[in-house]
Amino acid sequence: EAGRQLDANLVRLPPEGRVEEHVEPDLDVLLYVVSGDGVVDTEQG
């Protein structure tokens, strides 16, 4: 939407697909699980 202050994306990973380890240095991100399951690995486990 024009003039928005937010970005939002709906993303699907395939079975056992992966988003490699990374750091977002500038933005907080809120992630909502719409369907399926998986794991998030962080420095805390």
PDB file of all heavy atoms in Angstrom:
ATOM      1  N   GLU A   1       0.835  -1.201   0.000  1.00  0.00           N
ATOM      2  CA  GLU A   1       0.000   0.000   0.000  1.00  0.00           C
ATOM      3  C   GLU A   1       0.871   1.252   0.000  1.00  0.00           C
ATOM      4  O   GLU A   1       1.827   1.363   0.767  1.00  0.00           O
ATOM      5  CB  GLU A   1      -0.908   0.007   1.225  1.00  0.00           C
ATOM      6  CG  GLU A   1      -1.751  -1.249   1.368  1.00  0.00           C
ATOM      7  CD  GLU A   1      -2.489  -1.641   0.112  1.00  0.00           C
ATOM      8  OE1 GLU A   1      -3.344  -0.860  -0.346  1.00  0.00           O
ATOM      9  OE2 GLU A   1      -2.216  -2.718  -0.430  1.00  0.00           O
ATOM     10  N   ALA A   2       0.514   2.212  -0.832  1.00  0.00           N
ATOM     11  CA  ALA A   2       1.250   3.482  -0.900  1.00  0.00           C
ATOM     12  C   ALA A   2       1.155   4.204   0.441  1.00  0.00           C
ATOM     13  O   ALA A   2       0.113   4.177   1.098  1.00  0.00           O
ATOM     14  CB  ALA A   2       0.681   4.360  -2.005  1.00  0.00           C
ATOM     15  N   GLY A   3       2.232   4.843   0.855  1.00  0.00           N
ATOM     16  CA  GLY A   3       2.238   5.641   2.075  1.00  0.00           C
ATOM     17  C   GLY A   3       2.294   4.851   3.362  1.00  0.00           C
ATOM     18  O   GLY A   3       2.191   5.424   4.441  1.00  0.00           O
ATOM     19  N   ARG A   4       2.491   3.550   3.279  1.00  0.00           N
ATOM     20  CA  ARG A   4       2.490   2.722   4.490  1.00  0.00           C
ATOM     21  C   ARG A   4       3.732   2.975   5.337  1.00  0.00           C
ATOM     22  O   ARG A   4       4.756   3.406   4.826  1.00  0.00           O
ATOM     23  CB  ARG A   4       2.398   1.244   4.122  1.00  0.00           C
ATOM     24  CG  ARG A   4       3.660   0.708   3.472  1.00  0.00           C
ATOM     25  CD  ARG A   4       3.458  -0.695   2.898  1.00  0.00           C
ATOM     26  NE  ARG A   4       4.692  -1.223   2.398  1.00  0.00           N
ATOM     27  CZ  ARG A   4       5.227  -0.923   1.215  1.00  0.00           C
ATOM     28  NH1 ARG A   4       4.609  -0.084   0.414  1.00  0.00           N
ATOM     29  NH2 ARG A   4       6.362  -1.457   0.837  1.00  0.00           N
ATOM     30  N   GLN A   5       3.634   2.670   6.623  1.00  0.00           N
ATOM     31  CA  GLN A   5       4.772   2.759   7.531  1.00  0.00           C
ATOM     32  C   GLN A   5       5.314   1.380   7.884  1.00  0.00           C
ATOM     33  O   GLN A   5       6.316   1.269   8.563  1.00  0.00           O
ATOM     34  CB  GLN A   5       4.366   3.484   8.813  1.00  0.00           C
ATOM     35  CG  GLN A   5       4.028   4.934   8.583  1.00  0.00           C
ATOM     36  CD  GLN A   5       3.607   5.619   9.876  1.00  0.00           C
ATOM     37  OE1 GLN A   5       3.243   4.984  10.857  1.00  0.00           O
ATOM     38  NE2 GLN A   5       3.665   6.929   9.871  1.00  0.00           N
ATOM     39  N   LEU A   6       4.617   0.333   7.435  1.00  0.00           N
ATOM     40  CA  LEU A   6       5.006  -1.044   7.744  1.00  0.00           C
ATOM     41  C   LEU A   6       5.304  -1.817   6.474  1.00  0.00           C
ATOM     42  O   LEU A   6       4.803  -1.478   5.401  1.00  0.00           O
ATOM     43  CB  LEU A   6       3.871  -1.777   8.469  1.00  0.00           C
ATOM     44  CG  LEU A   6       3.482  -1.297   9.845  1.00  0.00           C
ATOM     45  CD1 LEU A   6       2.257  -2.062  10.332  1.00  0.00           C
ATOM     46  CD2 LEU A   6       4.634  -1.461  10.814  1.00  0.00           C
ATOM     47  N   ASP A   7       6.091  -2.870   6.623  1.00  0.00           N
ATOM     48  CA  ASP A   7       6.239  -3.892   5.595  1.00  0.00           C
ATOM     49  C   ASP A   7       5.731  -5.191   6.194  1.00  0.00           C
ATOM     50  O   ASP A   7       5.888  -5.431   7.406  1.00  0.00           O
ATOM     51  CB  ASP A   7       7.704  -4.061   5.171  1.00  0.00           C
ATOM     52  CG  ASP A   7       8.118  -3.077   4.097  1.00  0.00           C
ATOM     53  OD1 ASP A   7       7.247  -2.638   3.314  1.00  0.00           O
ATOM     54  OD2 ASP A   7       9.305  -2.749   4.030  1.00  0.00           O
ATOM     55  N   ALA A   8       5.122  -6.012   5.357  1.00  0.00           N
ATOM     56  CA  ALA A   8       4.637  -7.318   5.788  1.00  0.00           C
ATOM     57  C   ALA A   8       4.793  -8.278   4.624  1.00  0.00           C
ATOM     58  O   ALA A   8       4.611  -7.892   3.462  1.00  0.00           O
ATOM     59  CB  ALA A   8       3.181  -7.244   6.231  1.00  0.00           C
ATOM     60  N   ASN A   9       5.132  -9.523   4.937  1.00  0.00           N
ATOM     61  CA  ASN A   9       5.327 -10.557   3.925  1.00  0.00           C
ATOM     62  C   ASN A   9       4.758 -11.870   4.443  1.00  0.00           C
ATOM     63  O   ASN A   9       4.990 -12.230   5.596  1.00  0.00           O
ATOM     64  CB  ASN A   9       6.824 -10.780   3.645  1.00  0.00           C
ATOM     65  CG  ASN A   9       7.503  -9.538   3.140  1.00  0.00           C
ATOM     66  OD1 ASN A   9       7.318  -9.146   2.007  1.00  0.00           O
ATOM     67  ND2 ASN A   9       8.278  -8.904   3.992  1.00  0.00           N
ATOM     68  N   LEU A  10       4.043 -12.574   3.580  1.00  0.00           N
ATOM     69  CA  LEU A  10       3.607 -13.933   3.864  1.00  0.00           C
ATOM     70  C   LEU A  10       4.551 -14.843   3.093  1.00  0.00           C
ATOM     71  O   LEU A  10       4.663 -14.735   1.867  1.00  0.00           O
ATOM     72  CB  LEU A  10       2.159 -14.143   3.418  1.00  0.00           C
ATOM     73  CG  LEU A  10       1.594 -15.545   3.598  1.00  0.00           C
ATOM     74  CD1 LEU A  10       1.589 -15.962   5.068  1.00  0.00           C
ATOM     75  CD2 LEU A  10       0.193 -15.629   3.007  1.00  0.00           C
ATOM     76  N   VAL A  11       5.247 -15.710   3.817  1.00  0.00           N
ATOM     77  CA  VAL A  11       6.308 -16.538   3.233  1.00  0.00           C
ATOM     78  C   VAL A  11       6.017 -18.003   3.525  1.00  0.00           C
ATOM     79  O   VAL A  11       5.564 -18.342   4.621  1.00  0.00           O
ATOM     80  CB  VAL A  11       7.686 -16.157   3.840  1.00  0.00           C
ATOM     81  CG1 VAL A  11       8.793 -17.043   3.309  1.00  0.00           C
ATOM     82  CG2 VAL A  11       7.979 -14.688   3.594  1.00  0.00           C
ATOM     83  N   ARG A  12       6.280 -18.863   2.542  1.00  0.00           N
ATOM     84  CA  ARG A  12       6.176 -20.300   2.793  1.00  0.00           C
ATOM     85  C   ARG A  12       7.529 -20.948   2.539  1.00  0.00           C
ATOM     86  O   ARG A  12       8.139 -20.748   1.489  1.00  0.00           O
ATOM     87  CB  ARG A  12       5.147 -20.975   1.905  1.00  0.00           C
ATOM     88  CG  ARG A  12       5.063 -22.470   2.273  1.00  0.00           C
ATOM     89  CD  ARG A  12       4.175 -23.343   1.418  1.00  0.00           C
ATOM     90  NE  ARG A  12       2.802 -22.929   1.402  1.00  0.00           N
ATOM     91  CZ  ARG A  12       2.153 -22.559   0.294  1.00  0.00           C
ATOM     92  NH1 ARG A  12       2.755 -22.553  -0.864  1.00  0.00           N
ATOM     93  NH2 ARG A  12       0.889 -22.211   0.356  1.00  0.00           N
ATOM     94  N   LEU A  13       7.988 -21.713   3.531  1.00  0.00           N
ATOM     95  CA  LEU A  13       9.178 -22.553   3.372  1.00  0.00           C
ATOM     96  C   LEU A  13       8.707 -23.955   3.010  1.00  0.00           C
ATOM     97  O   LEU A  13       7.726 -24.449   3.576  1.00  0.00           O
ATOM     98  CB  LEU A  13       9.984 -22.621   4.669  1.00  0.00           C
ATOM     99  CG  LEU A  13      10.647 -21.334   5.150  1.00  0.00           C
ATOM    100  CD1 LEU A  13      11.368 -21.584   6.472  1.00  0.00           C
ATOM    101  CD2 LEU A  13      11.607 -20.797   4.112  1.00  0.00           C
ATOM    102  N   PRO A  14       9.407 -24.630   2.108  1.00  0.00           N
ATOM    103  CA  PRO A  14       9.028 -26.009   1.782  1.00  0.00           C
ATOM    104  C   PRO A  14       9.338 -26.932   2.960  1.00  0.00           C
ATOM    105  O   PRO A  14      10.038 -26.538   3.902  1.00  0.00           O
ATOM    106  CB  PRO A  14       9.924 -26.328   0.582  1.00  0.00           C
ATOM    107  CG  PRO A  14      11.129 -25.470   0.773  1.00  0.00           C
ATOM    108  CD  PRO A  14      10.620 -24.201   1.415  1.00  0.00           C
ATOM    109  N   PRO A  15       8.837 -28.162   2.914  1.00  0.00           N
ATOM    110  CA  PRO A  15       9.167 -29.105   3.989  1.00  0.00           C
ATOM    111  C   PRO A  15      10.671 -29.147   4.238  1.00  0.00           C
ATOM    112  O   PRO A  15      11.468 -29.291   3.306  1.00  0.00           O
ATOM    113  CB  PRO A  15       8.648 -30.445   3.448  1.00  0.00           C
ATOM    114  CG  PRO A  15       7.502 -30.043   2.556  1.00  0.00           C
ATOM    115  CD  PRO A  15       7.956 -28.755   1.911  1.00  0.00           C
ATOM    116  N   GLU A  16      11.036 -28.954   5.492  1.00  0.00           N
ATOM    117  CA  GLU A  16      12.417 -28.948   5.968  1.00  0.00           C
ATOM    118  C   GLU A  16      13.279 -27.871   5.301  1.00  0.00           C
ATOM    119  O   GLU A  16      14.502 -27.919   5.351  1.00  0.00           O
ATOM    120  CB  GLU A  16      13.025 -30.348   5.866  1.00  0.00           C
ATOM    121  CG  GLU A  16      12.227 -31.329   6.722  1.00  0.00           C
ATOM    122  CD  GLU A  16      12.726 -32.750   6.692  1.00  0.00           C
ATOM    123  OE1 GLU A  16      13.793 -33.026   6.103  1.00  0.00           O
ATOM    124  OE2 GLU A  16      12.035 -33.604   7.268  1.00  0.00           O
ATOM    125  N   GLY A  17      12.620 -26.873   4.699  1.00  0.00           N
ATOM    126  CA  GLY A  17      13.333 -25.729   4.131  1.00  0.00           C
ATOM    127  C   GLY A  17      13.902 -24.865   5.239  1.00  0.00           C
ATOM    128  O   GLY A  17      13.500 -24.958   6.405  1.00  0.00           O
ATOM    129  N   ARG A  18      14.829 -23.990   4.878  1.00  0.00           N
ATOM    130  CA  ARG A  18      15.563 -23.258   5.909  1.00  0.00           C
ATOM    131  C   ARG A  18      15.838 -21.821   5.487  1.00  0.00           C
ATOM    132  O   ARG A  18      16.112 -21.546   4.329  1.00  0.00           O
ATOM    133  CB  ARG A  18      16.880 -23.986   6.167  1.00  0.00           C
ATOM    134  CG  ARG A  18      17.733 -23.415   7.248  1.00  0.00           C
ATOM    135  CD  ARG A  18      18.861 -24.395   7.589  1.00  0.00           C
ATOM    136  NE  ARG A  18      19.851 -23.791   8.439  1.00  0.00           N
ATOM    137  CZ  ARG A  18      19.745 -23.672   9.761  1.00  0.00           C
ATOM    138  NH1 ARG A  18      18.686 -24.126  10.379  1.00  0.00           N
ATOM    139  NH2 ARG A  18      20.712 -23.100  10.453  1.00  0.00           N
ATOM    140  N   VAL A  19      15.764 -20.925   6.448  1.00  0.00           N
ATOM    141  CA  VAL A  19      16.292 -19.571   6.330  1.00  0.00           C
ATOM    142  C   VAL A  19      17.567 -19.593   7.151  1.00  0.00           C
ATOM    143  O   VAL A  19      17.527 -19.810   8.365  1.00  0.00           O
ATOM    144  CB  VAL A  19      15.305 -18.508   6.875  1.00  0.00           C
ATOM    145  CG1 VAL A  19      15.953 -17.132   6.873  1.00  0.00           C
ATOM    146  CG2 VAL A  19      14.009 -18.514   6.081  1.00  0.00           C
ATOM    147  N   GLU A  20      18.689 -19.412   6.485  1.00  0.00           N
ATOM    148  CA  GLU A  20      19.982 -19.519   7.157  1.00  0.00           C
ATOM    149  C   GLU A  20      20.140 -18.488   8.270  1.00  0.00           C
ATOM    150  O   GLU A  20      19.478 -17.450   8.277  1.00  0.00           O
ATOM    151  CB  GLU A  20      21.124 -19.368   6.147  1.00  0.00           C
ATOM    152  CG  GLU A  20      21.192 -20.494   5.125  1.00  0.00           C
ATOM    153  CD  GLU A  20      21.422 -21.863   5.741  1.00  0.00           C
ATOM    154  OE1 GLU A  20      22.140 -21.971   6.760  1.00  0.00           O
ATOM    155  OE2 GLU A  20      20.896 -22.850   5.191  1.00  0.00           O
ATOM    156  N   GLU A  21      21.050 -18.770   9.169  1.00  0.00           N
ATOM    157  CA  GLU A  21      21.310 -17.875  10.300  1.00  0.00           C
ATOM    158  C   GLU A  21      21.685 -16.482   9.801  1.00  0.00           C
ATOM    159  O   GLU A  21      22.463 -16.331   8.860  1.00  0.00           O
ATOM    160  CB  GLU A  21      22.441 -18.435  11.151  1.00  0.00           C
ATOM    161  CG  GLU A  21      22.677 -17.614  12.407  1.00  0.00           C
ATOM    162  CD  GLU A  21      23.733 -18.244  13.275  1.00  0.00           C
ATOM    163  OE1 GLU A  21      23.377 -19.122  14.084  1.00  0.00           O
ATOM    164  OE2 GLU A  21      24.908 -17.843  13.142  1.00  0.00           O
ATOM    165  N   HIS A  22      21.078 -15.488  10.430  1.00  0.00           N
ATOM    166  CA  HIS A  22      21.350 -14.101  10.069  1.00  0.00           C
ATOM    167  C   HIS A  22      21.009 -13.195  11.233  1.00  0.00           C
ATOM    168  O   HIS A  22      20.380 -13.619  12.212  1.00  0.00           O
ATOM    169  CB  HIS A  22      20.560 -13.695   8.822  1.00  0.00           C
ATOM    170  CG  HIS A  22      19.081 -13.704   9.027  1.00  0.00           C
ATOM    171  ND1 HIS A  22      18.336 -14.871   9.094  1.00  0.00           N
ATOM    172  CD2 HIS A  22      18.204 -12.695   9.197  1.00  0.00           C
ATOM    173  CE1 HIS A  22      17.071 -14.575   9.299  1.00  0.00           C
ATOM    174  NE2 HIS A  22      16.948 -13.256   9.365  1.00  0.00           N
ATOM    175  N   VAL A  23      21.407 -11.945  11.129  1.00  0.00           N
ATOM    176  CA  VAL A  23      21.103 -10.912  12.118  1.00  0.00           C
ATOM    177  C   VAL A  23      20.465  -9.755  11.381  1.00  0.00           C
ATOM    178  O   VAL A  23      20.979  -9.319  10.344  1.00  0.00           O
ATOM    179  CB  VAL A  23      22.386 -10.420  12.838  1.00  0.00           C
ATOM    180  CG1 VAL A  23      22.089  -9.231  13.737  1.00  0.00           C
ATOM    181  CG2 VAL A  23      23.023 -11.544  13.623  1.00  0.00           C
ATOM    182  N   GLU A  24      19.347  -9.273  11.878  1.00  0.00           N
ATOM    183  CA  GLU A  24      18.733  -8.045  11.359  1.00  0.00           C
ATOM    184  C   GLU A  24      19.204  -6.919  12.269  1.00  0.00           C
ATOM    185  O   GLU A  24      18.758  -6.831  13.412  1.00  0.00           O
ATOM    186  CB  GLU A  24      17.213  -8.163  11.359  1.00  0.00           C
ATOM    187  CG  GLU A  24      16.476  -6.864  11.127  1.00  0.00           C
ATOM    188  CD  GLU A  24      16.980  -6.072   9.935  1.00  0.00           C
ATOM    189  OE1 GLU A  24      16.859  -6.554   8.808  1.00  0.00           O
ATOM    190  OE2 GLU A  24      17.503  -4.957  10.143  1.00  0.00           O
ATOM    191  N   PRO A  25      20.106  -6.067  11.793  1.00  0.00           N
ATOM    192  CA  PRO A  25      20.700  -5.067  12.681  1.00  0.00           C
ATOM    193  C   PRO A  25      19.809  -3.865  13.001  1.00  0.00           C
ATOM    194  O   PRO A  25      20.023  -3.209  14.008  1.00  0.00           O
ATOM    195  CB  PRO A  25      21.942  -4.611  11.914  1.00  0.00           C
ATOM    196  CG  PRO A  25      21.591  -4.833  10.486  1.00  0.00           C
ATOM    197  CD  PRO A  25      20.707  -6.049  10.459  1.00  0.00           C
ATOM    198  N   ASP A  26      18.803  -3.588  12.160  1.00  0.00           N
ATOM    199  CA  ASP A  26      18.082  -2.326  12.294  1.00  0.00           C
ATOM    200  C   ASP A  26      16.628  -2.426  12.748  1.00  0.00           C
ATOM    201  O   ASP A  26      16.100  -1.463  13.287  1.00  0.00           O
ATOM    202  CB  ASP A  26      18.096  -1.577  10.953  1.00  0.00           C
ATOM    203  CG  ASP A  26      19.502  -1.294  10.485  1.00  0.00           C
ATOM    204  OD1 ASP A  26      20.350  -0.932  11.326  1.00  0.00           O
ATOM    205  OD2 ASP A  26      19.760  -1.457   9.281  1.00  0.00           O
ATOM    206  N   LEU A  27      15.972  -3.555  12.493  1.00  0.00           N
ATOM    207  CA  LEU A  27      14.523  -3.619  12.700  1.00  0.00           C
ATOM    208  C   LEU A  27      14.102  -4.785  13.586  1.00  0.00           C
ATOM    209  O   LEU A  27      14.597  -5.898  13.422  1.00  0.00           O
ATOM    210  CB  LEU A  27      13.813  -3.785  11.351  1.00  0.00           C
ATOM    211  CG  LEU A  27      14.034  -2.695  10.317  1.00  0.00           C
ATOM    212  CD1 LEU A  27      13.434  -3.113   8.989  1.00  0.00           C
ATOM    213  CD2 LEU A  27      13.452  -1.386  10.794  1.00  0.00           C
ATOM    214  N   ASP A  28      13.170  -4.523  14.492  1.00  0.00           N
ATOM    215  CA  ASP A  28      12.465  -5.592  15.184  1.00  0.00           C
ATOM    216  C   ASP A  28      11.518  -6.225  14.169  1.00  0.00           C
ATOM    217  O   ASP A  28      10.958  -5.530  13.314  1.00  0.00           O
ATOM    218  CB  ASP A  28      11.617  -5.051  16.335  1.00  0.00           C
ATOM    219  CG  ASP A  28      12.429  -4.556  17.512  1.00  0.00           C
ATOM    220  OD1 ASP A  28      13.668  -4.677  17.498  1.00  0.00           O
ATOM    221  OD2 ASP A  28      11.811  -4.027  18.451  1.00  0.00           O
ATOM    222  N   VAL A  29      11.318  -7.537  14.260  1.00  0.00           N
ATOM    223  CA  VAL A  29      10.421  -8.249  13.358  1.00  0.00           C
ATOM    224  C   VAL A  29       9.453  -9.075  14.204  1.00  0.00           C
ATOM    225  O   VAL A  29       9.868  -9.743  15.149  1.00  0.00           O
ATOM    226  CB  VAL A  29      11.196  -9.177  12.397  1.00  0.00           C
ATOM    227  CG1 VAL A  29      10.249  -9.990  11.525  1.00  0.00           C
ATOM    228  CG2 VAL A  29      12.161  -8.371  11.536  1.00  0.00           C
ATOM    229  N   LEU A  30       8.181  -9.015  13.842  1.00  0.00           N
ATOM    230  CA  LEU A  30       7.169  -9.854  14.456  1.00  0.00           C
ATOM    231  C   LEU A  30       6.838 -10.949  13.454  1.00  0.00           C
ATOM    232  O   LEU A  30       6.579 -10.658  12.276  1.00  0.00           O
ATOM    233  CB  LEU A  30       5.918  -9.033  14.774  1.00  0.00           C
ATOM    234  CG  LEU A  30       4.883  -9.698  15.650  1.00  0.00           C
ATOM    235  CD1 LEU A  30       5.438  -9.883  17.070  1.00  0.00           C
ATOM    236  CD2 LEU A  30       3.627  -8.860  15.689  1.00  0.00           C
ATOM    237  N   LEU A  31       6.883 -12.207  13.887  1.00  0.00           N
ATOM    238  CA  LEU A  31       6.621 -13.351  13.020  1.00  0.00           C
ATOM    239  C   LEU A  31       5.409 -14.090  13.570  1.00  0.00           C
ATOM    240  O   LEU A  31       5.379 -14.439  14.752  1.00  0.00           O
ATOM    241  CB  LEU A  31       7.851 -14.261  12.985  1.00  0.00           C
ATOM    242  CG  LEU A  31       7.797 -15.476  12.073  1.00  0.00           C
ATOM    243  CD1 LEU A  31       9.200 -15.789  11.557  1.00  0.00           C
ATOM    244  CD2 LEU A  31       7.217 -16.687  12.760  1.00  0.00           C
ATOM    245  N   TYR A  32       4.406 -14.321  12.717  1.00  0.00           N
ATOM    246  CA  TYR A  32       3.192 -15.052  13.091  1.00  0.00           C
ATOM    247  C   TYR A  32       3.120 -16.312  12.235  1.00  0.00           C
ATOM    248  O   TYR A  32       3.171 -16.235  11.002  1.00  0.00           O
ATOM    249  CB  TYR A  32       1.953 -14.188  12.851  1.00  0.00           C
ATOM    250  CG  TYR A  32       0.662 -14.940  13.023  1.00  0.00           C
ATOM    251  CD1 TYR A  32       0.212 -15.292  14.294  1.00  0.00           C
ATOM    252  CD2 TYR A  32      -0.097 -15.324  11.929  1.00  0.00           C
ATOM    253  CE1 TYR A  32      -0.963 -16.005  14.452  1.00  0.00           C
ATOM    254  CE2 TYR A  32      -1.275 -16.033  12.083  1.00  0.00           C
ATOM    255  CZ  TYR A  32      -1.703 -16.370  13.348  1.00  0.00           C
ATOM    256  OH  TYR A  32      -2.857 -17.081  13.513  1.00  0.00           O
ATOM    257  N   VAL A  33       3.021 -17.481  12.876  1.00  0.00           N
ATOM    258  CA  VAL A  33       2.945 -18.748  12.155  1.00  0.00           C
ATOM    259  C   VAL A  33       1.512 -18.960  11.681  1.00  0.00           C
ATOM    260  O   VAL A  33       0.594 -19.127  12.485  1.00  0.00           O
ATOM    261  CB  VAL A  33       3.410 -19.935  13.028  1.00  0.00           C
ATOM    262  CG1 VAL A  33       3.299 -21.240  12.249  1.00  0.00           C
ATOM    263  CG2 VAL A  33       4.838 -19.718  13.513  1.00  0.00           C
ATOM    264  N   VAL A  34       1.336 -18.931  10.364  1.00  0.00           N
ATOM    265  CA  VAL A  34       0.014 -19.084   9.751  1.00  0.00           C
ATOM    266  C   VAL A  34      -0.357 -20.550   9.632  1.00  0.00           C
ATOM    267  O   VAL A  34      -1.482 -20.941   9.940  1.00  0.00           O
ATOM    268  CB  VAL A  34      -0.017 -18.398   8.365  1.00  0.00           C
ATOM    269  CG1 VAL A  34      -1.336 -18.638   7.650  1.00  0.00           C
ATOM    270  CG2 VAL A  34       0.266 -16.902   8.506  1.00  0.00           C
ATOM    271  N   SER A  35       0.579 -21.374   9.183  1.00  0.00           N
ATOM    272  CA  SER A  35       0.308 -22.812   9.061  1.00  0.00           C
ATOM    273  C   SER A  35       1.623 -23.588   9.097  1.00  0.00           C
ATOM    274  O   SER A  35       2.693 -23.033   8.867  1.00  0.00           O
ATOM    275  CB  SER A  35      -0.447 -23.118   7.765  1.00  0.00           C
ATOM    276  OG  SER A  35       0.338 -22.809   6.644  1.00  0.00           O
ATOM    277  N   GLY A  36       1.505 -24.868   9.414  1.00  0.00           N
ATOM    278  CA  GLY A  36       2.677 -25.728   9.485  1.00  0.00           C
ATOM    279  C   GLY A  36       3.396 -25.593  10.816  1.00  0.00           C
ATOM    280  O   GLY A  36       2.851 -25.077  11.790  1.00  0.00           O
ATOM    281  N   ASP A  37       4.623 -26.051  10.818  1.00  0.00           N
ATOM    282  CA  ASP A  37       5.432 -25.975  12.032  1.00  0.00           C
ATOM    283  C   ASP A  37       6.894 -25.935  11.660  1.00  0.00           C
ATOM    284  O   ASP A  37       7.267 -26.076  10.502  1.00  0.00           O
ATOM    285  CB  ASP A  37       5.132 -27.147  12.971  1.00  0.00           C
ATOM    286  CG  ASP A  37       5.547 -28.490  12.390  1.00  0.00           C
ATOM    287  OD1 ASP A  37       5.867 -28.566  11.192  1.00  0.00           O
ATOM    288  OD2 ASP A  37       5.557 -29.475  13.134  1.00  0.00           O
ATOM    289  N   GLY A  38       7.719 -25.721  12.666  1.00  0.00           N
ATOM    290  CA  GLY A  38       9.152 -25.671  12.454  1.00  0.00           C
ATOM    291  C   GLY A  38       9.857 -25.284  13.737  1.00  0.00           C
ATOM    292  O   GLY A  38       9.283 -25.394  14.831  1.00  0.00           O
ATOM    293  N   VAL A  39      11.080 -24.813  13.588  1.00  0.00           N
ATOM    294  CA  VAL A  39      11.853 -24.366  14.742  1.00  0.00           C
ATOM    295  C   VAL A  39      12.589 -23.086  14.390  1.00  0.00           C
ATOM    296  O   VAL A  39      12.899 -22.820  13.225  1.00  0.00           O
ATOM    297  CB  VAL A  39      12.875 -25.435  15.217  1.00  0.00           C
ATOM    298  CG1 VAL A  39      12.170 -26.682  15.739  1.00  0.00           C
ATOM    299  CG2 VAL A  39      13.856 -25.781  14.129  1.00  0.00           C
ATOM    300  N   VAL A  40      12.841 -22.306  15.428  1.00  0.00           N
ATOM    301  CA  VAL A  40      13.715 -21.146  15.297  1.00  0.00           C
ATOM    302  C   VAL A  40      14.909 -21.418  16.205  1.00  0.00           C
ATOM    303  O   VAL A  40      14.749 -21.850  17.351  1.00  0.00           O
ATOM    304  CB  VAL A  40      13.004 -19.821  15.670  1.00  0.00           C
ATOM    305  CG1 VAL A  40      12.486 -19.828  17.102  1.00  0.00           C
ATOM    306  CG2 VAL A  40      13.922 -18.628  15.449  1.00  0.00           C
ATOM    307  N   ASP A  41      16.090 -21.224  15.672  1.00  0.00           N
ATOM    308  CA  ASP A  41      17.310 -21.360  16.464  1.00  0.00           C
ATOM    309  C   ASP A  41      17.830 -19.964  16.759  1.00  0.00           C
ATOM    310  O   ASP A  41      17.956 -19.135  15.846  1.00  0.00           O
ATOM    311  CB  ASP A  41      18.371 -22.162  15.703  1.00  0.00           C
ATOM    312  CG  ASP A  41      18.028 -23.639  15.650  1.00  0.00           C
ATOM    313  OD1 ASP A  41      17.899 -24.252  16.722  1.00  0.00           O
ATOM    314  OD2 ASP A  41      17.879 -24.170  14.529  1.00  0.00           O
ATOM    315  N   THR A  42      18.108 -19.707  18.034  1.00  0.00           N
ATOM    316  CA  THR A  42      18.633 -18.421  18.467  1.00  0.00           C
ATOM    317  C   THR A  42      19.848 -18.661  19.354  1.00  0.00           C
ATOM    318  O   THR A  42      20.193 -19.810  19.654  1.00  0.00           O
ATOM    319  CB  THR A  42      17.578 -17.619  19.273  1.00  0.00           C
ATOM    320  OG1 THR A  42      17.386 -18.251  20.539  1.00  0.00           O
ATOM    321  CG2 THR A  42      16.263 -17.517  18.526  1.00  0.00           C
ATOM    322  N   GLU A  43      20.459 -17.597  19.797  1.00  0.00           N
ATOM    323  CA  GLU A  43      21.601 -17.725  20.709  1.00  0.00           C
ATOM    324  C   GLU A  43      21.192 -18.382  22.025  1.00  0.00           C
ATOM    325  O   GLU A  43      22.024 -18.926  22.737  1.00  0.00           O
ATOM    326  CB  GLU A  43      22.207 -16.349  20.959  1.00  0.00           C
ATOM    327  CG  GLU A  43      22.842 -15.775  19.708  1.00  0.00           C
ATOM    328  CD  GLU A  43      23.122 -14.295  19.803  1.00  0.00           C
ATOM    329  OE1 GLU A  43      22.382 -13.575  20.499  1.00  0.00           O
ATOM    330  OE2 GLU A  43      24.089 -13.855  19.159  1.00  0.00           O
ATOM    331  N   GLN A  44      19.895 -18.332  22.355  1.00  0.00           N
ATOM    332  CA  GLN A  44      19.404 -18.944  23.592  1.00  0.00           C
ATOM    333  C   GLN A  44      18.958 -20.384  23.399  1.00  0.00           C
ATOM    334  O   GLN A  44      18.491 -21.015  24.343  1.00  0.00           O
ATOM    335  CB  GLN A  44      18.235 -18.134  24.173  1.00  0.00           C
ATOM    336  CG  GLN A  44      18.649 -16.804  24.777  1.00  0.00           C
ATOM    337  CD  GLN A  44      19.018 -15.781  23.714  1.00  0.00           C
ATOM    338  OE1 GLN A  44      18.397 -15.690  22.671  1.00  0.00           O
ATOM    339  NE2 GLN A  44      20.063 -15.006  23.977  1.00  0.00           N
ATOM    340  N   GLY A  45      19.055 -20.908  22.175  1.00  0.00           N
ATOM    341  CA  GLY A  45      18.669 -22.289  21.930  1.00  0.00           C
ATOM    342  C   GLY A  45      17.582 -22.405  20.883  1.00  0.00           C
ATOM    343  O   GLY A  45      17.277 -21.465  20.164  1.00  0.00           O
TER     344      GLY A  45
END
